[in-house]
Amino acid sequence: MLSGYDWPGNVRELEHVISRAAIKALSHGARREDIVTLEPGLLDLPLTASTAPDVTVTPSRDAPVEALHDSVARSQRQAIHHALERADGNWSAAARLLEVDSSNLHKLARRLGIK
């Protein structure tokens, strides 16, 4: 999956794709100390209908549960960072990518400690 992607960005884009996939694996029950295979379904890469896999991370019963508020905040931070990276740091363009009002994005970024 990784080698078949066009990679219009740079190595930092690859790093972010892998980081996001690892975070998704954690949210599906993997533990930080686990060695996890990042299945294509965990990667934020375009898929065709014929290649779309199922996510197969089986949560451990002993895995800690993250508070919903913390999980949402982490996801929002990640989405904002990714949009800013894709928009070359342009907040207005990042807001358009995220389909939110620019002023709301700035307020959210301040609340999340990004700004």
N, C-alpha and C. Protein backbone atom coordinates (compact mmCIF):
# COMPACT_ATOMS: atom_id res chain seq x y z
N MET A 1 0.82 -1.18 0.00
CA MET A 1 0.00 0.00 0.00
C MET A 1 0.87 1.25 0.00
N LEU A 2 1.90 1.27 0.85
CA LEU A 2 2.78 2.44 0.94
C LEU A 2 3.58 2.62 -0.34
N SER A 3 4.08 1.53 -0.89
CA SER A 3 4.91 1.66 -2.09
C SER A 3 4.08 1.98 -3.33
N GLY A 4 2.77 1.69 -3.31
CA GLY A 4 1.92 1.98 -4.44
C GLY A 4 1.37 3.40 -4.45
N TYR A 5 1.57 4.15 -3.37
CA TYR A 5 1.05 5.51 -3.28
C TYR A 5 2.00 6.47 -4.00
N ASP A 6 1.43 7.52 -4.62
CA ASP A 6 2.21 8.46 -5.43
C ASP A 6 3.11 9.39 -4.58
N TRP A 7 2.79 9.65 -3.34
CA TRP A 7 3.54 10.52 -2.42
C TRP A 7 3.79 11.91 -3.00
N PRO A 8 2.70 12.69 -3.17
CA PRO A 8 2.88 14.05 -3.67
C PRO A 8 3.60 14.96 -2.68
N GLY A 9 3.63 14.58 -1.43
CA GLY A 9 4.32 15.37 -0.41
C GLY A 9 5.77 14.95 -0.32
N ASN A 10 6.28 14.88 0.90
CA ASN A 10 7.67 14.50 1.09
C ASN A 10 7.75 13.43 2.17
N VAL A 11 8.93 13.20 2.69
CA VAL A 11 9.12 12.17 3.71
C VAL A 11 8.29 12.47 4.95
N ARG A 12 8.09 13.76 5.23
CA ARG A 12 7.28 14.13 6.40
C ARG A 12 5.84 13.62 6.24
N GLU A 13 5.33 13.61 5.02
CA GLU A 13 3.98 13.08 4.77
C GLU A 13 3.95 11.59 5.11
N LEU A 14 4.98 10.85 4.73
CA LEU A 14 5.07 9.42 5.07
C LEU A 14 5.08 9.25 6.58
N GLU A 15 5.87 10.07 7.26
CA GLU A 15 5.94 9.99 8.72
C GLU A 15 4.56 10.22 9.34
N HIS A 16 3.83 11.20 8.84
CA HIS A 16 2.50 11.49 9.39
C HIS A 16 1.51 10.38 9.09
N VAL A 17 1.59 9.78 7.90
CA VAL A 17 0.70 8.67 7.57
C VAL A 17 0.93 7.51 8.53
N ILE A 18 2.19 7.21 8.79
CA ILE A 18 2.51 6.11 9.69
C ILE A 18 2.11 6.45 11.12
N SER A 19 2.34 7.68 11.55
CA SER A 19 1.94 8.09 12.90
C SER A 19 0.44 8.00 13.08
N ARG A 20 -0.32 8.49 12.10
CA ARG A 20 -1.78 8.42 12.19
C ARG A 20 -2.25 6.98 12.23
N ALA A 21 -1.64 6.11 11.43
CA ALA A 21 -2.02 4.71 11.43
C ALA A 21 -1.74 4.06 12.78
N ALA A 22 -0.61 4.41 13.39
CA ALA A 22 -0.28 3.87 14.71
C ALA A 22 -1.28 4.35 15.75
N ILE A 23 -1.69 5.61 15.67
CA ILE A 23 -2.68 6.15 16.61
C ILE A 23 -4.01 5.45 16.41
N LYS A 24 -4.39 5.19 15.16
CA LYS A 24 -5.64 4.47 14.90
C LYS A 24 -5.57 3.07 15.49
N ALA A 25 -4.40 2.42 15.34
CA ALA A 25 -4.24 1.08 15.90
C ALA A 25 -4.43 1.12 17.42
N LEU A 26 -3.89 2.16 18.07
CA LEU A 26 -4.09 2.30 19.51
C LEU A 26 -5.56 2.49 19.85
N SER A 27 -6.26 3.26 19.04
CA SER A 27 -7.68 3.50 19.31
C SER A 27 -8.52 2.25 19.07
N HIS A 28 -7.97 1.30 18.31
CA HIS A 28 -8.66 0.03 18.08
C HIS A 28 -8.23 -1.03 19.09
N GLY A 29 -7.45 -0.65 20.10
CA GLY A 29 -7.14 -1.58 21.17
C GLY A 29 -5.71 -2.06 21.26
N ALA A 30 -4.87 -1.69 20.32
CA ALA A 30 -3.45 -2.07 20.43
C ALA A 30 -2.83 -1.31 21.60
N ARG A 31 -1.83 -1.90 22.20
CA ARG A 31 -1.12 -1.23 23.30
C ARG A 31 0.18 -0.65 22.76
N ARG A 32 0.67 0.39 23.42
CA ARG A 32 1.89 1.06 22.96
C ARG A 32 3.08 0.10 22.90
N GLU A 33 3.10 -0.87 23.77
CA GLU A 33 4.24 -1.79 23.77
C GLU A 33 4.07 -2.93 22.77
N ASP A 34 2.93 -3.02 22.09
CA ASP A 34 2.71 -4.05 21.08
C ASP A 34 3.48 -3.74 19.80
N ILE A 35 3.85 -4.78 19.09
CA ILE A 35 4.35 -4.61 17.73
C ILE A 35 3.14 -4.86 16.84
N VAL A 36 2.74 -3.83 16.09
CA VAL A 36 1.50 -3.86 15.32
C VAL A 36 1.80 -3.78 13.84
N THR A 37 1.16 -4.63 13.07
CA THR A 37 1.22 -4.52 11.62
C THR A 37 0.19 -3.48 11.20
N LEU A 38 0.64 -2.45 10.52
CA LEU A 38 -0.26 -1.39 10.10
C LEU A 38 -0.94 -1.82 8.80
N GLU A 39 -2.13 -2.37 8.96
CA GLU A 39 -2.90 -2.85 7.81
C GLU A 39 -3.31 -1.66 6.94
N PRO A 40 -3.53 -1.87 5.65
CA PRO A 40 -3.92 -0.77 4.76
C PRO A 40 -5.14 0.01 5.24
N GLY A 41 -6.06 -0.63 5.94
CA GLY A 41 -7.25 0.06 6.43
C GLY A 41 -6.93 1.11 7.48
N LEU A 42 -5.77 1.04 8.09
CA LEU A 42 -5.36 2.03 9.09
C LEU A 42 -4.67 3.23 8.45
N LEU A 43 -4.27 3.10 7.20
CA LEU A 43 -3.54 4.18 6.53
C LEU A 43 -4.52 5.16 5.91
N ASP A 44 -4.22 6.44 6.02
CA ASP A 44 -5.05 7.47 5.40
C ASP A 44 -4.61 7.71 3.97
N LEU A 45 -4.75 6.67 3.16
CA LEU A 45 -4.37 6.76 1.75
C LEU A 45 -5.58 6.42 0.91
N PRO A 46 -5.71 7.02 -0.28
CA PRO A 46 -6.88 6.73 -1.12
C PRO A 46 -6.90 5.26 -1.51
N LEU A 47 -8.09 4.68 -1.42
CA LEU A 47 -8.27 3.28 -1.79
C LEU A 47 -9.36 3.19 -2.85
N THR A 48 -9.24 2.20 -3.69
CA THR A 48 -10.34 1.90 -4.60
C THR A 48 -11.24 0.91 -3.90
N ALA A 49 -12.45 0.77 -4.36
CA ALA A 49 -13.40 -0.13 -3.71
C ALA A 49 -12.88 -1.56 -3.70
N SER A 50 -12.14 -1.95 -4.73
CA SER A 50 -11.66 -3.33 -4.83
C SER A 50 -10.49 -3.61 -3.89
N THR A 51 -9.79 -2.56 -3.44
CA THR A 51 -8.63 -2.79 -2.57
C THR A 51 -8.87 -2.36 -1.13
N ALA A 52 -10.08 -1.87 -0.81
CA ALA A 52 -10.36 -1.41 0.54
C ALA A 52 -10.39 -2.59 1.50
N PRO A 53 -9.45 -2.63 2.46
CA PRO A 53 -9.38 -3.74 3.40
C PRO A 53 -10.22 -3.47 4.64
N ASP A 54 -10.42 -4.52 5.42
CA ASP A 54 -11.04 -4.36 6.73
C ASP A 54 -9.95 -4.08 7.74
N VAL A 55 -10.25 -3.27 8.75
CA VAL A 55 -9.31 -3.03 9.84
C VAL A 55 -9.41 -4.21 10.78
N THR A 56 -8.26 -4.85 11.08
CA THR A 56 -8.29 -6.09 11.85
C THR A 56 -7.47 -6.02 13.12
N VAL A 57 -7.57 -4.91 13.85
CA VAL A 57 -6.88 -4.81 15.13
C VAL A 57 -7.84 -5.32 16.19
N THR A 58 -7.44 -6.34 16.92
CA THR A 58 -8.28 -6.89 17.96
C THR A 58 -7.90 -6.27 19.29
N PRO A 59 -8.86 -5.57 19.93
CA PRO A 59 -8.53 -4.93 21.20
C PRO A 59 -8.26 -5.95 22.30
N SER A 60 -7.28 -5.64 23.11
CA SER A 60 -6.98 -6.47 24.27
C SER A 60 -7.94 -6.08 25.40
N ARG A 61 -8.40 -7.06 26.16
CA ARG A 61 -9.31 -6.75 27.28
C ARG A 61 -8.62 -5.89 28.33
N ASP A 62 -7.29 -5.98 28.40
CA ASP A 62 -6.54 -5.21 29.39
C ASP A 62 -6.09 -3.84 28.87
N ALA A 63 -6.39 -3.54 27.61
CA ALA A 63 -5.97 -2.27 27.02
C ALA A 63 -6.68 -1.12 27.73
N PRO A 64 -5.94 -0.07 28.07
CA PRO A 64 -6.59 1.07 28.72
C PRO A 64 -7.55 1.75 27.76
N VAL A 65 -8.63 2.29 28.31
CA VAL A 65 -9.60 3.02 27.51
C VAL A 65 -9.32 4.50 27.67
N GLU A 66 -9.14 5.18 26.55
CA GLU A 66 -8.88 6.61 26.57
C GLU A 66 -10.21 7.34 26.73
N ALA A 67 -10.22 8.38 27.53
CA ALA A 67 -11.42 9.18 27.70
C ALA A 67 -11.83 9.75 26.35
N LEU A 68 -13.12 9.80 26.09
CA LEU A 68 -13.61 10.27 24.80
C LEU A 68 -13.13 11.69 24.51
N HIS A 69 -13.16 12.56 25.51
CA HIS A 69 -12.71 13.95 25.33
C HIS A 69 -11.26 13.98 24.86
N ASP A 70 -10.41 13.18 25.49
CA ASP A 70 -8.99 13.13 25.12
C ASP A 70 -8.80 12.56 23.72
N SER A 71 -9.57 11.54 23.38
CA SER A 71 -9.49 10.93 22.07
C SER A 71 -9.92 11.92 20.98
N VAL A 72 -11.00 12.66 21.23
CA VAL A 72 -11.48 13.64 20.26
C VAL A 72 -10.46 14.77 20.10
N ALA A 73 -9.91 15.26 21.21
CA ALA A 73 -8.92 16.34 21.14
C ALA A 73 -7.69 15.89 20.38
N ARG A 74 -7.23 14.66 20.62
CA ARG A 74 -6.06 14.11 19.91
C ARG A 74 -6.36 14.03 18.42
N SER A 75 -7.54 13.56 18.08
CA SER A 75 -7.93 13.44 16.68
C SER A 75 -8.01 14.81 16.01
N GLN A 76 -8.56 15.80 16.72
CA GLN A 76 -8.65 17.15 16.17
C GLN A 76 -7.25 17.74 15.95
N ARG A 77 -6.36 17.57 16.92
CA ARG A 77 -4.99 18.07 16.76
C ARG A 77 -4.34 17.45 15.54
N GLN A 78 -4.50 16.16 15.40
CA GLN A 78 -3.91 15.42 14.29
C GLN A 78 -4.46 15.94 12.96
N ALA A 79 -5.77 16.13 12.87
CA ALA A 79 -6.39 16.61 11.64
C ALA A 79 -5.90 18.01 11.30
N ILE A 80 -5.78 18.88 12.29
CA ILE A 80 -5.31 20.24 12.06
C ILE A 80 -3.86 20.24 11.59
N HIS A 81 -3.01 19.47 12.26
CA HIS A 81 -1.61 19.39 11.84
C HIS A 81 -1.48 18.87 10.41
N HIS A 82 -2.27 17.85 10.09
CA HIS A 82 -2.22 17.29 8.74
C HIS A 82 -2.68 18.32 7.72
N ALA A 83 -3.78 19.01 8.00
CA ALA A 83 -4.28 20.03 7.06
C ALA A 83 -3.28 21.16 6.90
N LEU A 84 -2.66 21.58 7.99
CA LEU A 84 -1.65 22.64 7.90
C LEU A 84 -0.45 22.19 7.06
N GLU A 85 -0.08 20.95 7.23
CA GLU A 85 1.04 20.42 6.44
C GLU A 85 0.68 20.41 4.96
N ARG A 86 -0.53 19.95 4.64
CA ARG A 86 -0.96 19.90 3.25
C ARG A 86 -1.12 21.30 2.66
N ALA A 87 -1.45 22.29 3.53
CA ALA A 87 -1.67 23.67 3.08
C ALA A 87 -0.41 24.52 3.24
N ASP A 88 0.72 23.89 3.48
CA ASP A 88 1.99 24.60 3.65
C ASP A 88 1.91 25.69 4.72
N GLY A 89 1.22 25.38 5.82
CA GLY A 89 1.13 26.30 6.95
C GLY A 89 0.10 27.40 6.79
N ASN A 90 -0.65 27.41 5.71
CA ASN A 90 -1.66 28.45 5.47
C ASN A 90 -2.95 28.06 6.20
N TRP A 91 -3.30 28.85 7.23
CA TRP A 91 -4.46 28.53 8.07
C TRP A 91 -5.77 28.60 7.30
N SER A 92 -5.91 29.57 6.41
CA SER A 92 -7.16 29.69 5.63
C SER A 92 -7.33 28.48 4.71
N ALA A 93 -6.25 28.08 4.07
CA ALA A 93 -6.32 26.91 3.19
C ALA A 93 -6.58 25.64 4.00
N ALA A 94 -5.98 25.55 5.18
CA ALA A 94 -6.22 24.40 6.06
C ALA A 94 -7.69 24.35 6.48
N ALA A 95 -8.27 25.50 6.77
CA ALA A 95 -9.69 25.55 7.15
C ALA A 95 -10.56 25.06 5.99
N ARG A 96 -10.21 25.45 4.77
CA ARG A 96 -10.97 24.98 3.61
C ARG A 96 -10.84 23.46 3.46
N LEU A 97 -9.63 22.93 3.66
CA LEU A 97 -9.45 21.48 3.58
C LEU A 97 -10.28 20.75 4.63
N LEU A 98 -10.37 21.35 5.82
CA LEU A 98 -11.12 20.74 6.91
C LEU A 98 -12.62 21.06 6.84
N GLU A 99 -12.98 21.92 5.89
CA GLU A 99 -14.36 22.33 5.70
C GLU A 99 -14.95 22.96 6.96
N VAL A 100 -14.16 23.88 7.56
CA VAL A 100 -14.62 24.65 8.72
C VAL A 100 -14.32 26.12 8.48
N ASP A 101 -15.01 26.96 9.21
CA ASP A 101 -14.76 28.39 9.13
C ASP A 101 -13.38 28.69 9.69
N SER A 102 -12.66 29.58 9.03
CA SER A 102 -11.29 29.92 9.43
C SER A 102 -11.21 30.42 10.87
N SER A 103 -12.15 31.29 11.27
CA SER A 103 -12.10 31.80 12.65
C SER A 103 -12.36 30.69 13.66
N ASN A 104 -13.24 29.74 13.31
CA ASN A 104 -13.48 28.60 14.21
C ASN A 104 -12.25 27.71 14.32
N LEU A 105 -11.52 27.57 13.22
CA LEU A 105 -10.29 26.77 13.26
C LEU A 105 -9.26 27.42 14.18
N HIS A 106 -9.12 28.74 14.10
CA HIS A 106 -8.18 29.44 14.97
C HIS A 106 -8.57 29.28 16.44
N LYS A 107 -9.87 29.40 16.75
CA LYS A 107 -10.34 29.23 18.13
C LYS A 107 -10.07 27.82 18.62
N LEU A 108 -10.36 26.83 17.78
CA LEU A 108 -10.12 25.44 18.15
C LEU A 108 -8.64 25.19 18.37
N ALA A 109 -7.79 25.73 17.50
CA ALA A 109 -6.35 25.55 17.64
C ALA A 109 -5.84 26.15 18.95
N ARG A 110 -6.38 27.29 19.33
CA ARG A 110 -5.98 27.88 20.62
C ARG A 110 -6.44 27.00 21.78
N ARG A 111 -7.68 26.51 21.70
CA ARG A 111 -8.21 25.64 22.77
C ARG A 111 -7.39 24.36 22.90
N LEU A 112 -6.91 23.85 21.77
CA LEU A 112 -6.15 22.59 21.78
C LEU A 112 -4.66 22.81 22.04
N GLY A 113 -4.25 24.08 22.18
CA GLY A 113 -2.85 24.38 22.47
C GLY A 113 -1.95 24.33 21.26
N ILE A 114 -2.51 24.39 20.07
CA ILE A 114 -1.71 24.39 18.86
C ILE A 114 -1.18 25.78 18.56
N LYS A 115 -1.97 26.80 18.90
CA LYS A 115 -1.57 28.20 18.68
C LYS A 115 -1.28 28.84 20.01
